[in-house]
Amino acid sequence: MADYLYLFRGGDAGRGDMTPQQMEQHMGKWMAWIEQLSKAGRFKAGEPLAQEGKMVRGRKAVVTDGPYTEAKDVVGGYLIVQAAGLAQATELAKGCPIFETDGSVEVREIRELKH
């Protein structure tokens, strides 16, 4: 078993037209999906991310406001799950409610740092 990172991108545009009741239902789907992963022993950690932040770049570590990217590319949160391989981790990601609002899930294996 290995750990996989889910990076949630976009999806905010589709939520903009939701009523408060629809938003509550959508968030309920997120909680149910995470609960399902947890009960299956797959969920390890995860949180939403604030929209504001800073970027530190280059050899001089220049700090700027950001990240400023297209809305579809903004990382809105993450989960860490455990799976037998990339195929299984990808299959588990298909249950994510972000697809209802045209978002995406990037699935990446977390490599173990060798000391």
PDB file of N, CA and C in Angstrom:
ATOM      1  N   MET A   1       0.845  -1.188   0.000  1.00  0.00           N
ATOM      2  CA  MET A   1       0.000   0.000   0.000  1.00  0.00           C
ATOM      3  C   MET A   1       0.882   1.240   0.000  1.00  0.00           C
ATOM      4  N   ALA A   2       0.454   2.227  -0.736  1.00  0.00           N
ATOM      5  CA  ALA A   2       1.177   3.494  -0.807  1.00  0.00           C
ATOM      6  C   ALA A   2       0.195   4.635  -0.532  1.00  0.00           C
ATOM      7  N   ASP A   3       0.753   5.803  -0.240  1.00  0.00           N
ATOM      8  CA  ASP A   3      -0.055   6.997  -0.025  1.00  0.00           C
ATOM      9  C   ASP A   3      -0.150   7.784  -1.327  1.00  0.00           C
ATOM     10  N   TYR A   4      -1.327   8.343  -1.568  1.00  0.00           N
ATOM     11  CA  TYR A   4      -1.583   9.141  -2.763  1.00  0.00           C
ATOM     12  C   TYR A   4      -2.186  10.468  -2.361  1.00  0.00           C
ATOM     13  N   LEU A   5      -1.798  11.498  -3.086  1.00  0.00           N
ATOM     14  CA  LEU A   5      -2.292  12.840  -2.852  1.00  0.00           C
ATOM     15  C   LEU A   5      -3.339  13.165  -3.909  1.00  0.00           C
ATOM     16  N   TYR A   6      -4.492  13.629  -3.465  1.00  0.00           N
ATOM     17  CA  TYR A   6      -5.507  14.161  -4.358  1.00  0.00           C
ATOM     18  C   TYR A   6      -5.443  15.677  -4.248  1.00  0.00           C
ATOM     19  N   LEU A   7      -5.187  16.349  -5.359  1.00  0.00           N
ATOM     20  CA  LEU A   7      -5.232  17.806  -5.416  1.00  0.00           C
ATOM     21  C   LEU A   7      -6.511  18.191  -6.141  1.00  0.00           C
ATOM     22  N   PHE A   8      -7.357  18.939  -5.473  1.00  0.00           N
ATOM     23  CA  PHE A   8      -8.640  19.334  -6.043  1.00  0.00           C
ATOM     24  C   PHE A   8      -8.492  20.683  -6.716  1.00  0.00           C
ATOM     25  N   ARG A   9      -8.789  20.713  -8.008  1.00  0.00           N
ATOM     26  CA  ARG A   9      -8.649  21.940  -8.802  1.00  0.00           C
ATOM     27  C   ARG A   9     -10.001  22.367  -9.360  1.00  0.00           C
ATOM     28  N   GLY A  10     -10.225  23.685  -9.352  1.00  0.00           N
ATOM     29  CA  GLY A  10     -11.443  24.234  -9.941  1.00  0.00           C
ATOM     30  C   GLY A  10     -12.682  23.811  -9.179  1.00  0.00           C
ATOM     31  N   GLY A  11     -13.805  23.868  -9.854  1.00  0.00           N
ATOM     32  CA  GLY A  11     -15.065  23.483  -9.239  1.00  0.00           C
ATOM     33  C   GLY A  11     -15.787  24.640  -8.591  1.00  0.00           C
ATOM     34  N   ASP A  12     -15.099  25.751  -8.320  1.00  0.00           N
ATOM     35  CA  ASP A  12     -15.734  26.892  -7.666  1.00  0.00           C
ATOM     36  C   ASP A  12     -16.769  27.564  -8.564  1.00  0.00           C
ATOM     37  N   ALA A  13     -16.480  27.624  -9.871  1.00  0.00           N
ATOM     38  CA  ALA A  13     -17.398  28.297 -10.789  1.00  0.00           C
ATOM     39  C   ALA A  13     -18.770  27.630 -10.774  1.00  0.00           C
ATOM     40  N   GLY A  14     -18.820  26.324 -10.723  1.00  0.00           N
ATOM     41  CA  GLY A  14     -20.083  25.603 -10.709  1.00  0.00           C
ATOM     42  C   GLY A  14     -20.862  25.783  -9.427  1.00  0.00           C
ATOM     43  N   ARG A  15     -20.178  26.135  -8.348  1.00  0.00           N
ATOM     44  CA  ARG A  15     -20.851  26.327  -7.062  1.00  0.00           C
ATOM     45  C   ARG A  15     -21.445  27.719  -6.934  1.00  0.00           C
ATOM     46  N   GLY A  16     -21.016  28.642  -7.783  1.00  0.00           N
ATOM     47  CA  GLY A  16     -21.475  30.021  -7.691  1.00  0.00           C
ATOM     48  C   GLY A  16     -22.971  30.189  -7.907  1.00  0.00           C
ATOM     49  N   ASP A  17     -23.574  29.308  -8.665  1.00  0.00           N
ATOM     50  CA  ASP A  17     -25.007  29.395  -8.958  1.00  0.00           C
ATOM     51  C   ASP A  17     -25.857  28.594  -7.989  1.00  0.00           C
ATOM     52  N   MET A  18     -25.246  27.968  -6.999  1.00  0.00           N
ATOM     53  CA  MET A  18     -25.995  27.124  -6.071  1.00  0.00           C
ATOM     54  C   MET A  18     -26.699  27.952  -5.008  1.00  0.00           C
ATOM     55  N   THR A  19     -27.890  27.504  -4.651  1.00  0.00           N
ATOM     56  CA  THR A  19     -28.598  28.105  -3.521  1.00  0.00           C
ATOM     57  C   THR A  19     -27.920  27.606  -2.243  1.00  0.00           C
ATOM     58  N   PRO A  20     -28.165  28.251  -1.104  1.00  0.00           N
ATOM     59  CA  PRO A  20     -27.593  27.748   0.143  1.00  0.00           C
ATOM     60  C   PRO A  20     -27.968  26.285   0.410  1.00  0.00           C
ATOM     61  N   GLN A  21     -29.178  25.894   0.065  1.00  0.00           N
ATOM     62  CA  GLN A  21     -29.606  24.501   0.262  1.00  0.00           C
ATOM     63  C   GLN A  21     -28.820  23.555  -0.653  1.00  0.00           C
ATOM     64  N   GLN A  22     -28.624  23.952  -1.897  1.00  0.00           N
ATOM     65  CA  GLN A  22     -27.839  23.132  -2.823  1.00  0.00           C
ATOM     66  C   GLN A  22     -26.389  23.020  -2.364  1.00  0.00           C
ATOM     67  N   MET A  23     -25.843  24.133  -1.851  1.00  0.00           N
ATOM     68  CA  MET A  23     -24.467  24.123  -1.347  1.00  0.00           C
ATOM     69  C   MET A  23     -24.351  23.175  -0.160  1.00  0.00           C
ATOM     70  N   GLU A  24     -25.328  23.204   0.720  1.00  0.00           N
ATOM     71  CA  GLU A  24     -25.327  22.307   1.877  1.00  0.00           C
ATOM     72  C   GLU A  24     -25.398  20.843   1.423  1.00  0.00           C
ATOM     73  N   GLN A  25     -26.212  20.566   0.427  1.00  0.00           N
ATOM     74  CA  GLN A  25     -26.301  19.200  -0.109  1.00  0.00           C
ATOM     75  C   GLN A  25     -24.973  18.784  -0.744  1.00  0.00           C
ATOM     76  N   HIS A  26     -24.360  19.713  -1.473  1.00  0.00           N
ATOM     77  CA  HIS A  26     -23.074  19.413  -2.118  1.00  0.00           C
ATOM     78  C   HIS A  26     -22.005  19.110  -1.071  1.00  0.00           C
ATOM     79  N   MET A  27     -21.950  19.915  -0.024  1.00  0.00           N
ATOM     80  CA  MET A  27     -20.967  19.680   1.039  1.00  0.00           C
ATOM     81  C   MET A  27     -21.260  18.362   1.753  1.00  0.00           C
ATOM     82  N   GLY A  28     -22.523  18.018   1.877  1.00  0.00           N
ATOM     83  CA  GLY A  28     -22.893  16.726   2.453  1.00  0.00           C
ATOM     84  C   GLY A  28     -22.355  15.572   1.633  1.00  0.00           C
ATOM     85  N   LYS A  29     -22.343  15.725   0.308  1.00  0.00           N
ATOM     86  CA  LYS A  29     -21.781  14.690  -0.568  1.00  0.00           C
ATOM     87  C   LYS A  29     -20.280  14.545  -0.340  1.00  0.00           C
ATOM     88  N   TRP A  30     -19.599  15.674  -0.142  1.00  0.00           N
ATOM     89  CA  TRP A  30     -18.166  15.634   0.163  1.00  0.00           C
ATOM     90  C   TRP A  30     -17.922  14.865   1.458  1.00  0.00           C
ATOM     91  N   MET A  31     -18.690  15.207   2.485  1.00  0.00           N
ATOM     92  CA  MET A  31     -18.516  14.557   3.785  1.00  0.00           C
ATOM     93  C   MET A  31     -18.816  13.060   3.687  1.00  0.00           C
ATOM     94  N   ALA A  32     -19.835  12.696   2.943  1.00  0.00           N
ATOM     95  CA  ALA A  32     -20.192  11.284   2.777  1.00  0.00           C
ATOM     96  C   ALA A  32     -19.085  10.528   2.031  1.00  0.00           C
ATOM     97  N   TRP A  33     -18.507  11.170   0.998  1.00  0.00           N
ATOM     98  CA  TRP A  33     -17.435  10.529   0.240  1.00  0.00           C
ATOM     99  C   TRP A  33     -16.206  10.317   1.121  1.00  0.00           C
ATOM    100  N   ILE A  34     -15.847  11.333   1.896  1.00  0.00           N
ATOM    101  CA  ILE A  34     -14.686  11.208   2.787  1.00  0.00           C
ATOM    102  C   ILE A  34     -14.960  10.167   3.871  1.00  0.00           C
ATOM    103  N   GLU A  35     -16.167  10.129   4.383  1.00  0.00           N
ATOM    104  CA  GLU A  35     -16.545   9.121   5.382  1.00  0.00           C
ATOM    105  C   GLU A  35     -16.435   7.707   4.803  1.00  0.00           C
ATOM    106  N   GLN A  36     -16.858   7.552   3.555  1.00  0.00           N
ATOM    107  CA  GLN A  36     -16.756   6.258   2.871  1.00  0.00           C
ATOM    108  C   GLN A  36     -15.290   5.832   2.744  1.00  0.00           C
ATOM    109  N   LEU A  37     -14.424   6.768   2.352  1.00  0.00           N
ATOM    110  CA  LEU A  37     -12.991   6.475   2.259  1.00  0.00           C
ATOM    111  C   LEU A  37     -12.430   6.110   3.626  1.00  0.00           C
ATOM    112  N   SER A  38     -12.871   6.818   4.639  1.00  0.00           N
ATOM    113  CA  SER A  38     -12.399   6.573   6.006  1.00  0.00           C
ATOM    114  C   SER A  38     -12.809   5.187   6.492  1.00  0.00           C
ATOM    115  N   LYS A  39     -14.067   4.830   6.298  1.00  0.00           N
ATOM    116  CA  LYS A  39     -14.554   3.524   6.730  1.00  0.00           C
ATOM    117  C   LYS A  39     -13.854   2.378   6.003  1.00  0.00           C
ATOM    118  N   ALA A  40     -13.413   2.642   4.773  1.00  0.00           N
ATOM    119  CA  ALA A  40     -12.688   1.626   4.000  1.00  0.00           C
ATOM    120  C   ALA A  40     -11.202   1.590   4.364  1.00  0.00           C
ATOM    121  N   GLY A  41     -10.784   2.441   5.309  1.00  0.00           N
ATOM    122  CA  GLY A  41      -9.387   2.474   5.726  1.00  0.00           C
ATOM    123  C   GLY A  41      -8.481   3.158   4.726  1.00  0.00           C
ATOM    124  N   ARG A  42      -9.030   3.999   3.848  1.00  0.00           N
ATOM    125  CA  ARG A  42      -8.245   4.656   2.792  1.00  0.00           C
ATOM    126  C   ARG A  42      -7.866   6.094   3.136  1.00  0.00           C
ATOM    127  N   PHE A  43      -8.716   6.799   3.862  1.00  0.00           N
ATOM    128  CA  PHE A  43      -8.496   8.219   4.167  1.00  0.00           C
ATOM    129  C   PHE A  43      -7.429   8.374   5.249  1.00  0.00           C
ATOM    130  N   LYS A  44      -6.459   9.259   4.996  1.00  0.00           N
ATOM    131  CA  LYS A  44      -5.419   9.530   5.982  1.00  0.00           C
ATOM    132  C   LYS A  44      -5.474  10.966   6.487  1.00  0.00           C
ATOM    133  N   ALA A  45      -5.714  11.924   5.588  1.00  0.00           N
ATOM    134  CA  ALA A  45      -5.743  13.331   5.971  1.00  0.00           C
ATOM    135  C   ALA A  45      -6.318  14.144   4.827  1.00  0.00           C
ATOM    136  N   GLY A  46      -6.671  15.375   5.119  1.00  0.00           N
ATOM    137  CA  GLY A  46      -7.139  16.270   4.072  1.00  0.00           C
ATOM    138  C   GLY A  46      -7.812  17.490   4.642  1.00  0.00           C
ATOM    139  N   GLU A  47      -7.724  18.586   3.906  1.00  0.00           N
ATOM    140  CA  GLU A  47      -8.321  19.852   4.326  1.00  0.00           C
ATOM    141  C   GLU A  47      -8.558  20.721   3.102  1.00  0.00           C
ATOM    142  N   PRO A  48      -9.528  21.638   3.198  1.00  0.00           N
ATOM    143  CA  PRO A  48      -9.646  22.665   2.161  1.00  0.00           C
ATOM    144  C   PRO A  48      -8.546  23.699   2.361  1.00  0.00           C
ATOM    145  N   LEU A  49      -8.248  24.454   1.318  1.00  0.00           N
ATOM    146  CA  LEU A  49      -7.229  25.495   1.392  1.00  0.00           C
ATOM    147  C   LEU A  49      -7.873  26.864   1.239  1.00  0.00           C
ATOM    148  N   ALA A  50      -7.311  27.865   1.915  1.00  0.00           N
ATOM    149  CA  ALA A  50      -7.768  29.248   1.760  1.00  0.00           C
ATOM    150  C   ALA A  50      -7.448  29.714   0.343  1.00  0.00           C
ATOM    151  N   GLN A  51      -8.228  30.648  -0.164  1.00  0.00           N
ATOM    152  CA  GLN A  51      -7.989  31.133  -1.520  1.00  0.00           C
ATOM    153  C   GLN A  51      -6.790  32.078  -1.595  1.00  0.00           C
ATOM    154  N   GLU A  52      -6.542  32.826  -0.532  1.00  0.00           N
ATOM    155  CA  GLU A  52      -5.421  33.759  -0.564  1.00  0.00           C
ATOM    156  C   GLU A  52      -4.137  33.039  -0.150  1.00  0.00           C
ATOM    157  N   GLY A  53      -3.032  33.580  -0.611  1.00  0.00           N
ATOM    158  CA  GLY A  53      -1.750  32.978  -0.269  1.00  0.00           C
ATOM    159  C   GLY A  53      -0.605  33.818  -0.802  1.00  0.00           C
ATOM    160  N   LYS A  54       0.576  33.301  -0.708  1.00  0.00           N
ATOM    161  CA  LYS A  54       1.791  33.952  -1.214  1.00  0.00           C
ATOM    162  C   LYS A  54       2.552  32.963  -2.079  1.00  0.00           C
ATOM    163  N   MET A  55       3.331  33.499  -3.004  1.00  0.00           N
ATOM    164  CA  MET A  55       4.217  32.679  -3.836  1.00  0.00           C
ATOM    165  C   MET A  55       5.650  33.081  -3.507  1.00  0.00           C
ATOM    166  N   VAL A  56       6.516  32.106  -3.340  1.00  0.00           N
ATOM    167  CA  VAL A  56       7.933  32.344  -3.124  1.00  0.00           C
ATOM    168  C   VAL A  56       8.644  31.676  -4.290  1.00  0.00           C
ATOM    169  N   ARG A  57       9.411  32.465  -5.064  1.00  0.00           N
ATOM    170  CA  ARG A  57      10.003  31.941  -6.308  1.00  0.00           C
ATOM    171  C   ARG A  57      11.453  32.346  -6.483  1.00  0.00           C
ATOM    172  N   GLY A  58      12.126  31.512  -7.247  1.00  0.00           N
ATOM    173  CA  GLY A  58      13.455  31.822  -7.722  1.00  0.00           C
ATOM    174  C   GLY A  58      14.548  31.717  -6.676  1.00  0.00           C
ATOM    175  N   ARG A  59      15.762  31.927  -7.142  1.00  0.00           N
ATOM    176  CA  ARG A  59      16.937  31.810  -6.280  1.00  0.00           C
ATOM    177  C   ARG A  59      16.970  32.861  -5.179  1.00  0.00           C
ATOM    178  N   LYS A  60      16.313  33.987  -5.438  1.00  0.00           N
ATOM    179  CA  LYS A  60      16.297  35.056  -4.437  1.00  0.00           C
ATOM    180  C   LYS A  60      15.076  34.960  -3.533  1.00  0.00           C
ATOM    181  N   ALA A  61      14.282  33.912  -3.710  1.00  0.00           N
ATOM    182  CA  ALA A  61      13.076  33.682  -2.906  1.00  0.00           C
ATOM    183  C   ALA A  61      12.191  34.927  -2.856  1.00  0.00           C
ATOM    184  N   VAL A  62      11.876  35.449  -4.034  1.00  0.00           N
ATOM    185  CA  VAL A  62      11.028  36.628  -4.153  1.00  0.00           C
ATOM    186  C   VAL A  62       9.602  36.254  -3.758  1.00  0.00           C
ATOM    187  N   VAL A  63       9.000  37.061  -2.890  1.00  0.00           N
ATOM    188  CA  VAL A  63       7.645  36.809  -2.401  1.00  0.00           C
ATOM    189  C   VAL A  63       6.666  37.728  -3.122  1.00  0.00           C
ATOM    190  N   THR A  64       5.615  37.135  -3.684  1.00  0.00           N
ATOM    191  CA  THR A  64       4.554  37.901  -4.331  1.00  0.00           C
ATOM    192  C   THR A  64       3.205  37.388  -3.843  1.00  0.00           C
ATOM    193  N   ASP A  65       2.162  38.201  -4.061  1.00  0.00           N
ATOM    194  CA  ASP A  65       0.819  37.723  -3.775  1.00  0.00           C
ATOM    195  C   ASP A  65       0.481  36.625  -4.765  1.00  0.00           C
ATOM    196  N   GLY A  66      -0.405  35.748  -4.362  1.00  0.00           N
ATOM    197  CA  GLY A  66      -0.793  34.685  -5.276  1.00  0.00           C
ATOM    198  C   GLY A  66      -1.328  33.518  -4.495  1.00  0.00           C
ATOM    199  N   PRO A  67      -1.598  32.422  -5.063  1.00  0.00           N
ATOM    200  CA  PRO A  67      -1.377  32.127  -6.477  1.00  0.00           C
ATOM    201  C   PRO A  67      -2.461  32.744  -7.355  1.00  0.00           C
ATOM    202  N   TYR A  68      -2.053  33.277  -8.502  1.00  0.00           N
ATOM    203  CA  TYR A  68      -3.015  33.805  -9.463  1.00  0.00           C
ATOM    204  C   TYR A  68      -2.939  32.947 -10.713  1.00  0.00           C
ATOM    205  N   THR A  69      -3.905  32.111 -10.871  1.00  0.00           N
ATOM    206  CA  THR A  69      -4.009  31.253 -12.039  1.00  0.00           C
ATOM    207  C   THR A  69      -5.457  31.262 -12.481  1.00  0.00           C
ATOM    208  N   GLU A  70      -5.726  30.623 -13.586  1.00  0.00           N
ATOM    209  CA  GLU A  70      -7.118  30.502 -14.022  1.00  0.00           C
ATOM    210  C   GLU A  70      -7.892  29.741 -12.962  1.00  0.00           C
ATOM    211  N   ALA A  71      -9.145  30.080 -12.794  1.00  0.00           N
ATOM    212  CA  ALA A  71      -9.976  29.469 -11.749  1.00  0.00           C
ATOM    213  C   ALA A  71      -9.970  27.947 -11.835  1.00  0.00           C
ATOM    214  N   LYS A  72      -9.915  27.406 -13.042  1.00  0.00           N
ATOM    215  CA  LYS A  72      -9.942  25.946 -13.191  1.00  0.00           C
ATOM    216  C   LYS A  72      -8.661  25.291 -12.692  1.00  0.00           C
ATOM    217  N   ASP A  73      -7.596  26.071 -12.512  1.00  0.00           N
ATOM    218  CA  ASP A  73      -6.310  25.525 -12.085  1.00  0.00           C
ATOM    219  C   ASP A  73      -5.993  25.755 -10.614  1.00  0.00           C
ATOM    220  N   VAL A  74      -6.812  26.520  -9.911  1.00  0.00           N
ATOM    221  CA  VAL A  74      -6.558  26.820  -8.508  1.00  0.00           C
ATOM    222  C   VAL A  74      -6.757  25.566  -7.663  1.00  0.00           C
ATOM    223  N   VAL A  75      -5.775  25.272  -6.826  1.00  0.00           N
ATOM    224  CA  VAL A  75      -5.880  24.139  -5.910  1.00  0.00           C
ATOM    225  C   VAL A  75      -6.723  24.581  -4.720  1.00  0.00           C
ATOM    226  N   GLY A  76      -7.859  23.906  -4.518  1.00  0.00           N
ATOM    227  CA  GLY A  76      -8.771  24.291  -3.464  1.00  0.00           C
ATOM    228  C   GLY A  76      -8.681  23.432  -2.224  1.00  0.00           C
ATOM    229  N   GLY A  77      -7.976  22.314  -2.314  1.00  0.00           N
ATOM    230  CA  GLY A  77      -7.846  21.434  -1.171  1.00  0.00           C
ATOM    231  C   GLY A  77      -7.115  20.168  -1.557  1.00  0.00           C
ATOM    232  N   TYR A  78      -6.975  19.280  -0.582  1.00  0.00           N
ATOM    233  CA  TYR A  78      -6.244  18.044  -0.826  1.00  0.00           C
ATOM    234  C   TYR A  78      -6.763  16.947   0.097  1.00  0.00           C
ATOM    235  N   LEU A  79      -6.513  15.725  -0.297  1.00  0.00           N
ATOM    236  CA  LEU A  79      -6.695  14.553   0.566  1.00  0.00           C
ATOM    237  C   LEU A  79      -5.477  13.675   0.388  1.00  0.00           C
ATOM    238  N   ILE A  80      -5.164  12.912   1.407  1.00  0.00           N
ATOM    239  CA  ILE A  80      -4.163  11.858   1.304  1.00  0.00           C
ATOM    240  C   ILE A  80      -4.904  10.558   1.561  1.00  0.00           C
ATOM    241  N   VAL A  81      -4.792   9.647   0.607  1.00  0.00           N
ATOM    242  CA  VAL A  81      -5.454   8.352   0.723  1.00  0.00           C
ATOM    243  C   VAL A  81      -4.420   7.247   0.571  1.00  0.00           C
ATOM    244  N   GLN A  82      -4.801   6.071   1.004  1.00  0.00           N
ATOM    245  CA  GLN A  82      -3.935   4.907   0.872  1.00  0.00           C
ATOM    246  C   GLN A  82      -4.574   3.964  -0.138  1.00  0.00           C
ATOM    247  N   ALA A  83      -3.766   3.468  -1.069  1.00  0.00           N
ATOM    248  CA  ALA A  83      -4.272   2.564  -2.103  1.00  0.00           C
ATOM    249  C   ALA A  83      -3.184   1.592  -2.509  1.00  0.00           C
ATOM    250  N   ALA A  84      -3.620   0.509  -3.154  1.00  0.00           N
ATOM    251  CA  ALA A  84      -2.692  -0.539  -3.586  1.00  0.00           C
ATOM    252  C   ALA A  84      -1.854  -0.114  -4.789  1.00  0.00           C
ATOM    253  N   GLY A  85      -2.300   0.888  -5.515  1.00  0.00           N
ATOM    254  CA  GLY A  85      -1.563   1.367  -6.677  1.00  0.00           C
ATOM    255  C   GLY A  85      -2.255   2.577  -7.272  1.00  0.00           C
ATOM    256  N   LEU A  86      -1.635   3.146  -8.300  1.00  0.00           N
ATOM    257  CA  LEU A  86      -2.179   4.329  -8.948  1.00  0.00           C
ATOM    258  C   LEU A  86      -3.557   4.055  -9.537  1.00  0.00           C
ATOM    259  N   ALA A  87      -3.750   2.883 -10.108  1.00  0.00           N
ATOM    260  CA  ALA A  87      -5.049   2.551 -10.695  1.00  0.00           C
ATOM    261  C   ALA A  87      -6.150   2.562  -9.641  1.00  0.00           C
ATOM    262  N   GLN A  88      -5.891   1.976  -8.476  1.00  0.00           N
ATOM    263  CA  GLN A  88      -6.894   1.958  -7.419  1.00  0.00           C
ATOM    264  C   GLN A  88      -7.136   3.365  -6.869  1.00  0.00           C
ATOM    265  N   ALA A  89      -6.079   4.137  -6.682  1.00  0.00           N
ATOM    266  CA  ALA A  89      -6.224   5.508  -6.189  1.00  0.00           C
ATOM    267  C   ALA A  89      -7.049   6.345  -7.165  1.00  0.00           C
ATOM    268  N   THR A  90      -6.814   6.148  -8.448  1.00  0.00           N
ATOM    269  CA  THR A  90      -7.568   6.870  -9.476  1.00  0.00           C
ATOM    270  C   THR A  90      -9.032   6.459  -9.455  1.00  0.00           C
ATOM    271  N   GLU A  91      -9.291   5.190  -9.308  1.00  0.00           N
ATOM    272  CA  GLU A  91     -10.672   4.688  -9.244  1.00  0.00           C
ATOM    273  C   GLU A  91     -11.400   5.270  -8.028  1.00  0.00           C
ATOM    274  N   LEU A  92     -10.730   5.334  -6.890  1.00  0.00           N
ATOM    275  CA  LEU A  92     -11.337   5.914  -5.689  1.00  0.00           C
ATOM    276  C   LEU A  92     -11.667   7.397  -5.894  1.00  0.00           C
ATOM    277  N   ALA A  93     -10.834   8.098  -6.645  1.00  0.00           N
ATOM    278  CA  ALA A  93     -11.045   9.526  -6.891  1.00  0.00           C
ATOM    279  C   ALA A  93     -12.296   9.786  -7.716  1.00  0.00           C
ATOM    280  N   LYS A  94     -12.728   8.814  -8.484  1.00  0.00           N
ATOM    281  CA  LYS A  94     -13.907   8.998  -9.340  1.00  0.00           C
ATOM    282  C   LYS A  94     -15.174   9.273  -8.544  1.00  0.00           C
ATOM    283  N   GLY A  95     -15.193   8.956  -7.255  1.00  0.00           N
ATOM    284  CA  GLY A  95     -16.360   9.214  -6.428  1.00  0.00           C
ATOM    285  C   GLY A  95     -16.431  10.633  -5.886  1.00  0.00           C
ATOM    286  N   CYS A  96     -15.454  11.452  -6.193  1.00  0.00           N
ATOM    287  CA  CYS A  96     -15.377  12.810  -5.648  1.00  0.00           C
ATOM    288  C   CYS A  96     -16.491  13.708  -6.201  1.00  0.00           C
ATOM    289  N   PRO A  97     -17.170  14.437  -5.324  1.00  0.00           N
ATOM    290  CA  PRO A  97     -18.234  15.340  -5.765  1.00  0.00           C
ATOM    291  C   PRO A  97     -17.765  16.554  -6.570  1.00  0.00           C
ATOM    292  N   ILE A  98     -16.468  16.805  -6.663  1.00  0.00           N
ATOM    293  CA  ILE A  98     -15.983  17.969  -7.409  1.00  0.00           C
ATOM    294  C   ILE A  98     -16.360  17.893  -8.883  1.00  0.00           C
ATOM    295  N   PHE A  99     -16.588  16.685  -9.386  1.00  0.00           N
ATOM    296  CA  PHE A  99     -16.925  16.528 -10.799  1.00  0.00           C
ATOM    297  C   PHE A  99     -18.301  17.110 -11.118  1.00  0.00           C
ATOM    298  N   GLU A 100     -19.165  17.218 -10.107  1.00  0.00           N
ATOM    299  CA  GLU A 100     -20.491  17.809 -10.306  1.00  0.00           C
ATOM    300  C   GLU A 100     -20.403  19.303 -10.609  1.00  0.00           C
ATOM    301  N   THR A 101     -19.291  19.929 -10.260  1.00  0.00           N
ATOM    302  CA  THR A 101     -19.104  21.365 -10.497  1.00  0.00           C
ATOM    303  C   THR A 101     -17.932  21.621 -11.450  1.00  0.00           C
ATOM    304  N   ASP A 102     -17.668  20.640 -12.319  1.00  0.00           N
ATOM    305  CA  ASP A 102     -16.630  20.733 -13.363  1.00  0.00           C
ATOM    306  C   ASP A 102     -15.214  20.911 -12.842  1.00  0.00           C
ATOM    307  N   GLY A 103     -14.947  20.425 -11.632  1.00  0.00           N
ATOM    308  CA  GLY A 103     -13.595  20.460 -11.096  1.00  0.00           C
ATOM    309  C   GLY A 103     -12.828  19.219 -11.527  1.00  0.00           C
ATOM    310  N   SER A 104     -11.604  19.112 -11.058  1.00  0.00           N
ATOM    311  CA  SER A 104     -10.769  17.955 -11.385  1.00  0.00           C
ATOM    312  C   SER A 104      -9.992  17.504 -10.153  1.00  0.00           C
ATOM    313  N   VAL A 105      -9.528  16.269 -10.219  1.00  0.00           N
ATOM    314  CA  VAL A 105      -8.706  15.694  -9.157  1.00  0.00           C
ATOM    315  C   VAL A 105      -7.406  15.214  -9.785  1.00  0.00           C
ATOM    316  N   GLU A 106      -6.307  15.758  -9.319  1.00  0.00           N
ATOM    317  CA  GLU A 106      -4.991  15.280  -9.734  1.00  0.00           C
ATOM    318  C   GLU A 106      -4.582  14.214  -8.722  1.00  0.00           C
ATOM    319  N   VAL A 107      -4.214  13.035  -9.212  1.00  0.00           N
ATOM    320  CA  VAL A 107      -3.844  11.905  -8.352  1.00  0.00           C
ATOM    321  C   VAL A 107      -2.346  11.674  -8.495  1.00  0.00           C
ATOM    322  N   ARG A 108      -1.615  11.763  -7.371  1.00  0.00           N
ATOM    323  CA  ARG A 108      -0.158  11.598  -7.404  1.00  0.00           C
ATOM    324  C   ARG A 108       0.298  10.717  -6.261  1.00  0.00           C
ATOM    325  N   GLU A 109       1.199   9.803  -6.549  1.00  0.00           N
ATOM    326  CA  GLU A 109       1.773   8.989  -5.477  1.00  0.00           C
ATOM    327  C   GLU A 109       2.731   9.839  -4.661  1.00  0.00           C
ATOM    328  N   ILE A 110       2.684   9.659  -3.355  1.00  0.00           N
ATOM    329  CA  ILE A 110       3.624  10.334  -2.461  1.00  0.00           C
ATOM    330  C   ILE A 110       4.804   9.392  -2.280  1.00  0.00           C
ATOM    331  N   ARG A 111       5.924   9.797  -2.795  1.00  0.00           N
ATOM    332  CA  ARG A 111       7.119   8.960  -2.696  1.00  0.00           C
ATOM    333  C   ARG A 111       7.706   9.038  -1.305  1.00  0.00           C
ATOM    334  N   GLU A 112       8.268   7.940  -0.882  1.00  0.00           N
ATOM    335  CA  GLU A 112       8.913   7.891   0.414  1.00  0.00           C
ATOM    336  C   GLU A 112      10.323   8.471   0.279  1.00  0.00           C
ATOM    337  N   LEU A 113      10.650   9.410   1.152  1.00  0.00           N
ATOM    338  CA  LEU A 113      11.971  10.031   1.133  1.00  0.00           C
ATOM    339  C   LEU A 113      12.966   9.069   1.763  1.00  0.00           C
ATOM    340  N   LYS A 114      13.976   8.724   1.012  1.00  0.00           N
ATOM    341  CA  LYS A 114      15.020   7.831   1.497  1.00  0.00           C
ATOM    342  C   LYS A 114      16.065   8.648   2.245  1.00  0.00           C
ATOM    343  N   HIS A 115      16.391   8.229   3.451  1.00  0.00           N
ATOM    344  CA  HIS A 115      17.376   8.967   4.254  1.00  0.00           C
ATOM    345  C   HIS A 115      18.751   8.415   4.040  1.00  0.00           C
TER     346      HIS A 115
END
